[in-house]
Amino acid sequence: MRAVLTIIGAWVASSVTAGAITIDTVAIGNANNGPDSTGFGSVSNDYRIGSTEVTNAQYAAFLNAKATSDPLALYDPNMSDGYGGITRTGTDGSFTYTTIAGRENKPVVYVSWYDALRFSNWLHNGQGNGDTESGAYTLTGGTIVPGNGPTITRNPGATWYLPSENEWYKAAYYDPASNSYYAYPTSSNSAPNAQLPPGDSNSANYAFVLGDLTEAGAYSTAQSPYGTFDQGGNVWEWNEALNNSFRTIRGGSWNDISAFLASSTRGYFSPNDSGSSLGFRVAAVPEPSSLTIAALGIIATLAWQWRRR
């Protein structure tokens, strides 16, 4: 009984909170929905996904926890340039990381696919000193480019992870009210307006309208049907999908044309690539229902009574 409670308790804790940093998520329900005409979007389970991209502030917390020495190159020196938002000071073994004023809530960029997996593992393992090489994903070799890079897939029991392409696609384009898909992730079949934030209900950061990244969620009324922000424009976002030796990206960025924001557009990068228009968001298992929580309470009560015998 104790072992069962420990496992269940750990699952609940990881489902409800990410720990030291908070990742705001939205619930994606309507499991077993059909795919779009493109063949994407069908997901057989409920899940949660980040309402915005991972920000500089969130990634800096990860760096301060796991990159005081940085053999895995979790920090890219380009993160301190005009489009980045994190600086590094100190020497190897005592590196510290600070967000650049005014860029704390902008999406982190210059992150590789492997960086995104390691951040996900860190969340899965409770943050703090949580491991980056195992958990939601297994990365072998202890090297910047893992020895098993081309074959990495999500492990069973992952609680925080990079979304699959279908999970990302469904959160961006699927409308559960009509059981259909929009062409753009602003709940619209018309291309978003390239406007400065907050813009209107069909607007996004692209086509050099600002010439820079905007804060995550700055287009506060331009949401997907599920309530996510910036799945079109701002930054391209990594997902899990493998295409030959490349990993897939979706959503377009601040310096792209509107066609790149559309559901019909897929991009690809080497998993070790990074750039000023490339970031990511994370996904998670759903929070336990009230019925599940009640059941856990009953189990805990029975266990307490059992221990008193």
C-alpha atoms as a PDB file:
ATOM      1  CA  MET A   1       0.000   0.000   0.000  1.00  0.00           C
ATOM      2  CA  ARG A   2       2.788   2.439   0.838  1.00  0.00           C
ATOM      3  CA  ALA A   3       4.464   1.872  -2.534  1.00  0.00           C
ATOM      4  CA  VAL A   4       1.200   2.487  -4.371  1.00  0.00           C
ATOM      5  CA  LEU A   5       0.618   5.692  -2.458  1.00  0.00           C
ATOM      6  CA  THR A   6       4.130   6.897  -3.140  1.00  0.00           C
ATOM      7  CA  ILE A   7       3.751   6.340  -6.870  1.00  0.00           C
ATOM      8  CA  ILE A   8       0.298   7.947  -6.980  1.00  0.00           C
ATOM      9  CA  GLY A   9       1.435  10.854  -4.829  1.00  0.00           C
ATOM     10  CA  ALA A  10       4.393  11.549  -7.114  1.00  0.00           C
ATOM     11  CA  TRP A  11       2.101  11.460 -10.164  1.00  0.00           C
ATOM     12  CA  VAL A  12      -0.316  13.941  -8.617  1.00  0.00           C
ATOM     13  CA  ALA A  13       2.466  16.308  -7.608  1.00  0.00           C
ATOM     14  CA  SER A  14       4.040  16.318 -11.060  1.00  0.00           C
ATOM     15  CA  SER A  15       0.663  16.755 -12.743  1.00  0.00           C
ATOM     16  CA  VAL A  16      -0.428  19.747 -10.699  1.00  0.00           C
ATOM     17  CA  THR A  17       2.739  21.816 -10.552  1.00  0.00           C
ATOM     18  CA  ALA A  18       6.098  22.040 -12.225  1.00  0.00           C
ATOM     19  CA  GLY A  19       7.796  22.979  -8.937  1.00  0.00           C
ATOM     20  CA  ALA A  20      10.075  26.011  -8.564  1.00  0.00           C
ATOM     21  CA  ILE A  21       8.944  27.581 -11.816  1.00  0.00           C
ATOM     22  CA  THR A  22       5.343  27.619 -12.942  1.00  0.00           C
ATOM     23  CA  ILE A  23       4.355  26.500 -16.414  1.00  0.00           C
ATOM     24  CA  ASP A  24       0.876  27.752 -17.278  1.00  0.00           C
ATOM     25  CA  THR A  25      -0.988  25.121 -19.270  1.00  0.00           C
ATOM     26  CA  VAL A  26      -4.385  24.664 -20.863  1.00  0.00           C
ATOM     27  CA  ALA A  27      -6.346  21.416 -20.969  1.00  0.00           C
ATOM     28  CA  ILE A  28      -6.681  19.670 -24.322  1.00  0.00           C
ATOM     29  CA  GLY A  29      -9.586  17.236 -24.150  1.00  0.00           C
ATOM     30  CA  ASN A  30     -11.800  15.618 -26.784  1.00  0.00           C
ATOM     31  CA  ALA A  31      -9.626  12.513 -27.037  1.00  0.00           C
ATOM     32  CA  ASN A  32      -9.818  10.323 -30.134  1.00  0.00           C
ATOM     33  CA  ASN A  33     -10.635  13.230 -32.418  1.00  0.00           C
ATOM     34  CA  GLY A  34     -10.103  12.582 -36.104  1.00  0.00           C
ATOM     35  CA  PRO A  35      -7.218  14.043 -38.108  1.00  0.00           C
ATOM     36  CA  ASP A  36      -7.323  17.102 -40.333  1.00  0.00           C
ATOM     37  CA  SER A  37      -7.279  16.758 -44.117  1.00  0.00           C
ATOM     38  CA  THR A  38      -3.495  17.065 -43.810  1.00  0.00           C
ATOM     39  CA  GLY A  39      -3.440  13.855 -41.758  1.00  0.00           C
ATOM     40  CA  PHE A  40      -2.404  15.582 -38.521  1.00  0.00           C
ATOM     41  CA  GLY A  41      -4.153  16.407 -35.259  1.00  0.00           C
ATOM     42  CA  SER A  42      -5.597  13.101 -34.043  1.00  0.00           C
ATOM     43  CA  VAL A  43      -4.721  12.420 -30.393  1.00  0.00           C
ATOM     44  CA  SER A  44      -6.037   9.450 -28.421  1.00  0.00           C
ATOM     45  CA  ASN A  45      -5.670  10.918 -24.930  1.00  0.00           C
ATOM     46  CA  ASP A  46      -6.294  14.086 -22.956  1.00  0.00           C
ATOM     47  CA  TYR A  47      -3.255  16.192 -22.083  1.00  0.00           C
ATOM     48  CA  ARG A  48      -2.172  19.714 -21.188  1.00  0.00           C
ATOM     49  CA  ILE A  49       0.041  22.055 -23.172  1.00  0.00           C
ATOM     50  CA  GLY A  50       1.845  25.271 -22.335  1.00  0.00           C
ATOM     51  CA  SER A  51      -0.388  28.266 -22.976  1.00  0.00           C
ATOM     52  CA  THR A  52       2.738  30.039 -24.264  1.00  0.00           C
ATOM     53  CA  GLU A  53       6.281  29.209 -25.248  1.00  0.00           C
ATOM     54  CA  VAL A  54       8.932  28.625 -22.575  1.00  0.00           C
ATOM     55  CA  THR A  55      10.307  32.042 -21.616  1.00  0.00           C
ATOM     56  CA  ASN A  56      13.776  33.387 -20.916  1.00  0.00           C
ATOM     57  CA  ALA A  57      12.969  33.602 -17.203  1.00  0.00           C
ATOM     58  CA  GLN A  58      11.924  29.943 -17.076  1.00  0.00           C
ATOM     59  CA  TYR A  59      14.923  28.769 -19.048  1.00  0.00           C
ATOM     60  CA  ALA A  60      17.312  30.891 -16.946  1.00  0.00           C
ATOM     61  CA  ALA A  61      16.015  29.105 -13.831  1.00  0.00           C
ATOM     62  CA  PHE A  62      16.850  25.811 -15.552  1.00  0.00           C
ATOM     63  CA  LEU A  63      20.347  27.051 -16.381  1.00  0.00           C
ATOM     64  CA  ASN A  64      21.017  28.235 -12.833  1.00  0.00           C
ATOM     65  CA  ALA A  65      19.950  24.816 -11.561  1.00  0.00           C
ATOM     66  CA  LYS A  66      21.797  22.641 -14.084  1.00  0.00           C
ATOM     67  CA  ALA A  67      24.511  24.639 -15.861  1.00  0.00           C
ATOM     68  CA  THR A  68      26.838  26.080 -13.241  1.00  0.00           C
ATOM     69  CA  SER A  69      29.214  23.982 -15.301  1.00  0.00           C
ATOM     70  CA  ASP A  70      27.847  23.472 -18.786  1.00  0.00           C
ATOM     71  CA  PRO A  71      29.305  20.426 -20.576  1.00  0.00           C
ATOM     72  CA  LEU A  72      26.014  19.867 -22.401  1.00  0.00           C
ATOM     73  CA  ALA A  73      25.979  23.421 -23.835  1.00  0.00           C
ATOM     74  CA  LEU A  74      22.535  24.179 -22.443  1.00  0.00           C
ATOM     75  CA  TYR A  75      23.482  27.832 -22.791  1.00  0.00           C
ATOM     76  CA  ASP A  76      24.215  29.305 -26.203  1.00  0.00           C
ATOM     77  CA  PRO A  77      26.271  32.538 -26.072  1.00  0.00           C
ATOM     78  CA  ASN A  78      23.916  33.930 -28.718  1.00  0.00           C
ATOM     79  CA  MET A  79      21.280  34.075 -25.975  1.00  0.00           C
ATOM     80  CA  SER A  80      22.843  37.378 -24.933  1.00  0.00           C
ATOM     81  CA  ASP A  81      22.486  38.964 -28.375  1.00  0.00           C
ATOM     82  CA  GLY A  82      19.746  41.326 -29.535  1.00  0.00           C
ATOM     83  CA  TYR A  83      17.122  38.583 -29.916  1.00  0.00           C
ATOM     84  CA  GLY A  84      18.085  36.566 -26.867  1.00  0.00           C
ATOM     85  CA  GLY A  85      17.341  37.306 -23.264  1.00  0.00           C
ATOM     86  CA  ILE A  86      19.888  35.599 -20.991  1.00  0.00           C
ATOM     87  CA  THR A  87      23.446  36.511 -20.027  1.00  0.00           C
ATOM     88  CA  ARG A  88      26.072  34.342 -18.327  1.00  0.00           C
ATOM     89  CA  THR A  89      28.707  35.467 -15.847  1.00  0.00           C
ATOM     90  CA  GLY A  90      31.315  33.701 -13.733  1.00  0.00           C
ATOM     91  CA  THR A  91      33.629  30.816 -14.506  1.00  0.00           C
ATOM     92  CA  ASP A  92      33.131  27.139 -15.226  1.00  0.00           C
ATOM     93  CA  GLY A  93      31.729  25.520 -12.111  1.00  0.00           C
ATOM     94  CA  SER A  94      30.174  28.726 -10.858  1.00  0.00           C
ATOM     95  CA  PHE A  95      28.343  30.114 -13.890  1.00  0.00           C
ATOM     96  CA  THR A  96      25.273  32.199 -13.113  1.00  0.00           C
ATOM     97  CA  TYR A  97      22.554  33.273 -15.516  1.00  0.00           C
ATOM     98  CA  THR A  98      20.511  36.473 -15.546  1.00  0.00           C
ATOM     99  CA  THR A  99      17.657  37.565 -17.755  1.00  0.00           C
ATOM    100  CA  ILE A 100      18.076  40.755 -19.730  1.00  0.00           C
ATOM    101  CA  ALA A 101      15.798  43.524 -18.480  1.00  0.00           C
ATOM    102  CA  GLY A 102      12.656  43.741 -20.557  1.00  0.00           C
ATOM    103  CA  ARG A 103      13.149  40.321 -22.150  1.00  0.00           C
ATOM    104  CA  GLU A 104      12.280  38.084 -19.213  1.00  0.00           C
ATOM    105  CA  ASN A 105       8.909  37.038 -20.616  1.00  0.00           C
ATOM    106  CA  LYS A 106       9.918  36.726 -24.238  1.00  0.00           C
ATOM    107  CA  PRO A 107      10.369  33.207 -25.587  1.00  0.00           C
ATOM    108  CA  VAL A 108      13.767  31.658 -25.107  1.00  0.00           C
ATOM    109  CA  VAL A 109      15.522  31.209 -28.446  1.00  0.00           C
ATOM    110  CA  TYR A 110      18.813  29.656 -29.555  1.00  0.00           C
ATOM    111  CA  VAL A 111      17.654  26.347 -28.100  1.00  0.00           C
ATOM    112  CA  SER A 112      18.262  23.035 -29.840  1.00  0.00           C
ATOM    113  CA  TRP A 113      15.879  20.082 -29.867  1.00  0.00           C
ATOM    114  CA  TYR A 114      18.150  18.413 -27.318  1.00  0.00           C
ATOM    115  CA  ASP A 115      17.921  21.486 -25.066  1.00  0.00           C
ATOM    116  CA  ALA A 116      14.127  21.206 -25.192  1.00  0.00           C
ATOM    117  CA  LEU A 117      14.265  17.516 -24.214  1.00  0.00           C
ATOM    118  CA  ARG A 118      16.647  18.216 -21.342  1.00  0.00           C
ATOM    119  CA  PHE A 119      14.427  21.008 -20.048  1.00  0.00           C
ATOM    120  CA  SER A 120      11.474  18.590 -20.231  1.00  0.00           C
ATOM    121  CA  ASN A 121      13.406  15.934 -18.304  1.00  0.00           C
ATOM    122  CA  TRP A 122      14.248  18.518 -15.671  1.00  0.00           C
ATOM    123  CA  LEU A 123      10.555  19.345 -15.246  1.00  0.00           C
ATOM    124  CA  HIS A 124       9.637  15.659 -15.195  1.00  0.00           C
ATOM    125  CA  ASN A 125      12.228  15.049 -12.469  1.00  0.00           C
ATOM    126  CA  GLY A 126      10.937  17.810 -10.211  1.00  0.00           C
ATOM    127  CA  GLN A 127      13.292  20.662 -11.209  1.00  0.00           C
ATOM    128  CA  GLY A 128      16.024  21.589  -8.713  1.00  0.00           C
ATOM    129  CA  ASN A 129      18.818  19.109  -9.273  1.00  0.00           C
ATOM    130  CA  GLY A 130      16.573  16.901 -11.405  1.00  0.00           C
ATOM    131  CA  ASP A 131      18.362  14.863 -14.051  1.00  0.00           C
ATOM    132  CA  THR A 132      18.452  16.083 -17.649  1.00  0.00           C
ATOM    133  CA  GLU A 133      19.463  12.812 -19.300  1.00  0.00           C
ATOM    134  CA  SER A 134      16.654  10.528 -18.175  1.00  0.00           C
ATOM    135  CA  GLY A 135      12.987  10.747 -17.296  1.00  0.00           C
ATOM    136  CA  ALA A 136      10.610  11.758 -20.056  1.00  0.00           C
ATOM    137  CA  TYR A 137      13.405  10.909 -22.515  1.00  0.00           C
ATOM    138  CA  THR A 138      16.591   8.876 -22.304  1.00  0.00           C
ATOM    139  CA  LEU A 139      19.653  10.622 -23.746  1.00  0.00           C
ATOM    140  CA  THR A 140      22.802   8.509 -23.773  1.00  0.00           C
ATOM    141  CA  GLY A 141      26.504   9.337 -23.721  1.00  0.00           C
ATOM    142  CA  GLY A 142      26.513  12.466 -21.570  1.00  0.00           C
ATOM    143  CA  THR A 143      27.425  14.507 -24.644  1.00  0.00           C
ATOM    144  CA  ILE A 144      25.919  17.572 -26.298  1.00  0.00           C
ATOM    145  CA  VAL A 145      24.633  15.407 -29.131  1.00  0.00           C
ATOM    146  CA  PRO A 146      23.405  12.200 -27.454  1.00  0.00           C
ATOM    147  CA  GLY A 147      24.658   8.889 -28.738  1.00  0.00           C
ATOM    148  CA  ASN A 148      21.072   7.803 -29.409  1.00  0.00           C
ATOM    149  CA  GLY A 149      19.961  11.095 -30.962  1.00  0.00           C
ATOM    150  CA  PRO A 150      18.182   9.694 -34.047  1.00  0.00           C
ATOM    151  CA  THR A 151      16.195   7.153 -32.029  1.00  0.00           C
ATOM    152  CA  ILE A 152      15.070   9.194 -29.025  1.00  0.00           C
ATOM    153  CA  THR A 153      11.362   8.842 -28.270  1.00  0.00           C
ATOM    154  CA  ARG A 154       9.190   9.698 -25.288  1.00  0.00           C
ATOM    155  CA  ASN A 155       9.371   7.215 -22.409  1.00  0.00           C
ATOM    156  CA  PRO A 156       6.242   5.644 -20.903  1.00  0.00           C
ATOM    157  CA  GLY A 157       5.119   7.533 -17.810  1.00  0.00           C
ATOM    158  CA  ALA A 158       6.450  10.927 -18.929  1.00  0.00           C
ATOM    159  CA  THR A 159       4.730  13.714 -17.018  1.00  0.00           C
ATOM    160  CA  TRP A 160       6.313  16.746 -18.723  1.00  0.00           C
ATOM    161  CA  TYR A 161       7.504  16.482 -22.303  1.00  0.00           C
ATOM    162  CA  LEU A 162       7.859  18.105 -25.691  1.00  0.00           C
ATOM    163  CA  PRO A 163       4.549  17.774 -27.523  1.00  0.00           C
ATOM    164  CA  SER A 164       4.212  15.339 -30.364  1.00  0.00           C
ATOM    165  CA  GLU A 165       3.419  16.903 -33.713  1.00  0.00           C
ATOM    166  CA  ASN A 166      -0.198  15.776 -33.411  1.00  0.00           C
ATOM    167  CA  GLU A 167      -0.480  17.181 -29.874  1.00  0.00           C
ATOM    168  CA  TRP A 168       0.974  20.498 -30.990  1.00  0.00           C
ATOM    169  CA  TYR A 169      -1.243  20.575 -34.094  1.00  0.00           C
ATOM    170  CA  LYS A 170      -4.444  19.757 -32.237  1.00  0.00           C
ATOM    171  CA  ALA A 171      -3.827  22.469 -29.629  1.00  0.00           C
ATOM    172  CA  ALA A 172      -3.234  25.006 -32.386  1.00  0.00           C
ATOM    173  CA  TYR A 173      -5.917  24.276 -34.973  1.00  0.00           C
ATOM    174  CA  TYR A 174      -8.641  21.938 -33.701  1.00  0.00           C
ATOM    175  CA  ASP A 175     -12.042  23.372 -32.771  1.00  0.00           C
ATOM    176  CA  PRO A 176     -13.906  20.939 -30.488  1.00  0.00           C
ATOM    177  CA  ALA A 177     -17.155  22.905 -30.844  1.00  0.00           C
ATOM    178  CA  SER A 178     -17.388  22.129 -34.557  1.00  0.00           C
ATOM    179  CA  ASN A 179     -15.176  19.030 -34.667  1.00  0.00           C
ATOM    180  CA  SER A 180     -13.153  20.688 -37.401  1.00  0.00           C
ATOM    181  CA  TYR A 181      -9.829  22.446 -37.920  1.00  0.00           C
ATOM    182  CA  TYR A 182      -8.952  26.066 -38.543  1.00  0.00           C
ATOM    183  CA  ALA A 183      -6.250  26.989 -41.028  1.00  0.00           C
ATOM    184  CA  TYR A 184      -4.544  29.303 -38.524  1.00  0.00           C
ATOM    185  CA  PRO A 185      -3.978  29.016 -34.763  1.00  0.00           C
ATOM    186  CA  THR A 186      -5.954  32.186 -34.028  1.00  0.00           C
ATOM    187  CA  SER A 187      -9.308  30.407 -34.482  1.00  0.00           C
ATOM    188  CA  SER A 188      -9.473  31.689 -38.038  1.00  0.00           C
ATOM    189  CA  ASN A 189      -9.353  30.469 -41.614  1.00  0.00           C
ATOM    190  CA  SER A 190      -7.937  33.828 -42.686  1.00  0.00           C
ATOM    191  CA  ALA A 191      -4.284  34.727 -42.221  1.00  0.00           C
ATOM    192  CA  PRO A 192      -3.664  36.728 -39.027  1.00  0.00           C
ATOM    193  CA  ASN A 193      -3.041  40.443 -39.236  1.00  0.00           C
ATOM    194  CA  ALA A 194       0.595  41.404 -38.698  1.00  0.00           C
ATOM    195  CA  GLN A 195       0.049  43.941 -35.923  1.00  0.00           C
ATOM    196  CA  LEU A 196       1.849  45.245 -32.902  1.00  0.00           C
ATOM    197  CA  PRO A 197       0.527  43.680 -29.688  1.00  0.00           C
ATOM    198  CA  PRO A 198      -2.065  43.403 -28.311  1.00  0.00           C
ATOM    199  CA  GLY A 199      -3.565  43.512 -31.814  1.00  0.00           C
ATOM    200  CA  ASP A 200      -7.024  42.202 -32.566  1.00  0.00           C
ATOM    201  CA  SER A 201      -8.521  38.735 -32.216  1.00  0.00           C
ATOM    202  CA  ASN A 202      -6.812  37.563 -35.405  1.00  0.00           C
ATOM    203  CA  SER A 203      -3.311  38.956 -35.116  1.00  0.00           C
ATOM    204  CA  ALA A 204       0.234  37.666 -34.650  1.00  0.00           C
ATOM    205  CA  ASN A 205       3.878  38.660 -34.604  1.00  0.00           C
ATOM    206  CA  TYR A 206       5.245  37.941 -38.077  1.00  0.00           C
ATOM    207  CA  ALA A 207       6.418  39.677 -41.257  1.00  0.00           C
ATOM    208  CA  PHE A 208       8.876  41.845 -39.275  1.00  0.00           C
ATOM    209  CA  VAL A 209       5.955  43.859 -37.889  1.00  0.00           C
ATOM    210  CA  LEU A 210       8.019  44.519 -34.749  1.00  0.00           C
ATOM    211  CA  GLY A 211      11.396  43.275 -35.938  1.00  0.00           C
ATOM    212  CA  ASP A 212      11.774  41.338 -32.705  1.00  0.00           C
ATOM    213  CA  LEU A 213      10.081  38.774 -30.480  1.00  0.00           C
ATOM    214  CA  THR A 214       7.065  39.808 -28.432  1.00  0.00           C
ATOM    215  CA  GLU A 215       6.340  38.725 -24.873  1.00  0.00           C
ATOM    216  CA  ALA A 216       4.695  35.333 -24.617  1.00  0.00           C
ATOM    217  CA  GLY A 217       0.923  35.805 -24.746  1.00  0.00           C
ATOM    218  CA  ALA A 218       1.123  39.460 -25.783  1.00  0.00           C
ATOM    219  CA  TYR A 219      -1.674  38.951 -28.339  1.00  0.00           C
ATOM    220  CA  SER A 220      -4.128  38.455 -25.524  1.00  0.00           C
ATOM    221  CA  THR A 221      -7.296  38.042 -27.596  1.00  0.00           C
ATOM    222  CA  ALA A 222      -5.777  36.006 -30.450  1.00  0.00           C
ATOM    223  CA  GLN A 223      -6.111  32.473 -29.130  1.00  0.00           C
ATOM    224  CA  SER A 224      -6.578  28.977 -30.443  1.00  0.00           C
ATOM    225  CA  PRO A 225      -9.938  27.368 -29.597  1.00  0.00           C
ATOM    226  CA  TYR A 226      -8.346  25.761 -26.532  1.00  0.00           C
ATOM    227  CA  GLY A 227      -6.796  29.031 -25.348  1.00  0.00           C
ATOM    228  CA  THR A 228      -3.145  28.795 -26.381  1.00  0.00           C
ATOM    229  CA  PHE A 229      -1.204  31.850 -27.541  1.00  0.00           C
ATOM    230  CA  ASP A 230       1.463  32.410 -30.189  1.00  0.00           C
ATOM    231  CA  GLN A 231       1.242  29.056 -31.941  1.00  0.00           C
ATOM    232  CA  GLY A 232       1.434  31.194 -35.067  1.00  0.00           C
ATOM    233  CA  GLY A 233       4.304  33.655 -35.294  1.00  0.00           C
ATOM    234  CA  ASN A 234       6.792  34.824 -32.665  1.00  0.00           C
ATOM    235  CA  VAL A 235       8.965  31.666 -32.803  1.00  0.00           C
ATOM    236  CA  TRP A 236       9.001  28.346 -34.594  1.00  0.00           C
ATOM    237  CA  GLU A 237       8.452  25.589 -32.041  1.00  0.00           C
ATOM    238  CA  TRP A 238      10.097  22.194 -31.786  1.00  0.00           C
ATOM    239  CA  ASN A 239       7.987  19.058 -31.529  1.00  0.00           C
ATOM    240  CA  GLU A 240       8.921  15.380 -31.241  1.00  0.00           C
ATOM    241  CA  ALA A 241       8.382  14.316 -34.845  1.00  0.00           C
ATOM    242  CA  LEU A 242      11.290  12.768 -36.741  1.00  0.00           C
ATOM    243  CA  ASN A 243      11.723  13.333 -40.483  1.00  0.00           C
ATOM    244  CA  ASN A 244      14.745  11.420 -41.764  1.00  0.00           C
ATOM    245  CA  SER A 245      17.563  12.911 -39.665  1.00  0.00           C
ATOM    246  CA  PHE A 246      15.632  16.101 -38.897  1.00  0.00           C
ATOM    247  CA  ARG A 247      13.127  17.101 -36.219  1.00  0.00           C
ATOM    248  CA  THR A 248       9.956  18.972 -37.026  1.00  0.00           C
ATOM    249  CA  ILE A 249       9.058  22.568 -36.212  1.00  0.00           C
ATOM    250  CA  ARG A 250       5.693  24.305 -36.500  1.00  0.00           C
ATOM    251  CA  GLY A 251       4.099  27.738 -36.341  1.00  0.00           C
ATOM    252  CA  GLY A 252       6.298  30.219 -38.163  1.00  0.00           C
ATOM    253  CA  SER A 253       8.085  33.143 -36.530  1.00  0.00           C
ATOM    254  CA  TRP A 254       8.451  36.883 -36.213  1.00  0.00           C
ATOM    255  CA  ASN A 255      10.397  37.127 -39.489  1.00  0.00           C
ATOM    256  CA  ASP A 256       8.232  34.870 -41.690  1.00  0.00           C
ATOM    257  CA  ILE A 257       5.387  35.346 -44.152  1.00  0.00           C
ATOM    258  CA  SER A 258       1.839  34.383 -43.209  1.00  0.00           C
ATOM    259  CA  ALA A 259       1.910  31.060 -45.106  1.00  0.00           C
ATOM    260  CA  PHE A 260       4.381  29.710 -42.558  1.00  0.00           C
ATOM    261  CA  LEU A 261       1.788  30.162 -39.786  1.00  0.00           C
ATOM    262  CA  ALA A 262      -0.735  27.950 -41.547  1.00  0.00           C
ATOM    263  CA  SER A 263      -1.632  24.383 -40.627  1.00  0.00           C
ATOM    264  CA  SER A 264      -0.380  23.207 -44.010  1.00  0.00           C
ATOM    265  CA  THR A 265       3.222  24.263 -43.300  1.00  0.00           C
ATOM    266  CA  ARG A 266       5.814  22.038 -41.629  1.00  0.00           C
ATOM    267  CA  GLY A 267       9.455  22.937 -41.087  1.00  0.00           C
ATOM    268  CA  TYR A 268      12.522  20.849 -40.309  1.00  0.00           C
ATOM    269  CA  PHE A 269      15.821  21.441 -38.592  1.00  0.00           C
ATOM    270  CA  SER A 270      18.730  19.315 -37.483  1.00  0.00           C
ATOM    271  CA  PRO A 271      18.094  18.581 -33.789  1.00  0.00           C
ATOM    272  CA  ASN A 272      21.339  20.329 -32.888  1.00  0.00           C
ATOM    273  CA  ASP A 273      20.384  23.535 -34.730  1.00  0.00           C
ATOM    274  CA  SER A 274      19.227  26.706 -33.017  1.00  0.00           C
ATOM    275  CA  GLY A 275      18.494  30.285 -33.998  1.00  0.00           C
ATOM    276  CA  SER A 276      16.859  33.603 -33.219  1.00  0.00           C
ATOM    277  CA  SER A 277      13.442  32.382 -34.365  1.00  0.00           C
ATOM    278  CA  LEU A 278      13.413  28.923 -32.789  1.00  0.00           C
ATOM    279  CA  GLY A 279      11.919  28.063 -29.379  1.00  0.00           C
ATOM    280  CA  PHE A 280       9.530  25.547 -27.832  1.00  0.00           C
ATOM    281  CA  ARG A 281       6.628  24.922 -25.476  1.00  0.00           C
ATOM    282  CA  VAL A 282       6.082  21.897 -23.258  1.00  0.00           C
ATOM    283  CA  ALA A 283       3.149  19.605 -22.612  1.00  0.00           C
ATOM    284  CA  ALA A 284       2.076  17.552 -19.602  1.00  0.00           C
ATOM    285  CA  VAL A 285      -0.235  14.813 -18.418  1.00  0.00           C
ATOM    286  CA  PRO A 286      -3.677  16.094 -17.398  1.00  0.00           C
ATOM    287  CA  GLU A 287      -4.430  17.092 -13.845  1.00  0.00           C
ATOM    288  CA  PRO A 288      -6.275  14.420 -11.876  1.00  0.00           C
ATOM    289  CA  SER A 289     -10.042  14.738 -11.889  1.00  0.00           C
ATOM    290  CA  SER A 290     -11.984  15.457  -8.705  1.00  0.00           C
ATOM    291  CA  LEU A 291     -13.083  11.820  -8.730  1.00  0.00           C
ATOM    292  CA  THR A 292      -9.458  10.669  -8.879  1.00  0.00           C
ATOM    293  CA  ILE A 293      -8.490  13.005  -6.053  1.00  0.00           C
ATOM    294  CA  ALA A 294     -11.382  11.697  -3.959  1.00  0.00           C
ATOM    295  CA  ALA A 295     -10.289   8.124  -4.647  1.00  0.00           C
ATOM    296  CA  LEU A 296      -6.731   8.955  -3.627  1.00  0.00           C
ATOM    297  CA  GLY A 297      -8.064  10.461  -0.411  1.00  0.00           C
ATOM    298  CA  ILE A 298      -9.915   7.247   0.392  1.00  0.00           C
ATOM    299  CA  ILE A 299      -6.784   5.197  -0.316  1.00  0.00           C
ATOM    300  CA  ALA A 300      -4.707   7.468   1.902  1.00  0.00           C
ATOM    301  CA  THR A 301      -7.247   7.158   4.720  1.00  0.00           C
ATOM    302  CA  LEU A 302      -7.253   3.370   4.454  1.00  0.00           C
ATOM    303  CA  ALA A 303      -3.472   3.330   4.446  1.00  0.00           C
ATOM    304  CA  TRP A 304      -3.356   5.513   7.577  1.00  0.00           C
ATOM    305  CA  GLN A 305      -5.807   3.207   9.324  1.00  0.00           C
ATOM    306  CA  TRP A 306      -3.791   0.180   8.205  1.00  0.00           C
ATOM    307  CA  ARG A 307      -0.571   1.630   9.628  1.00  0.00           C
ATOM    308  CA  ARG A 308      -2.263   2.220  13.016  1.00  0.00           C
ATOM    309  CA  ARG A 309      -3.111  -1.480  13.418  1.00  0.00           C
END
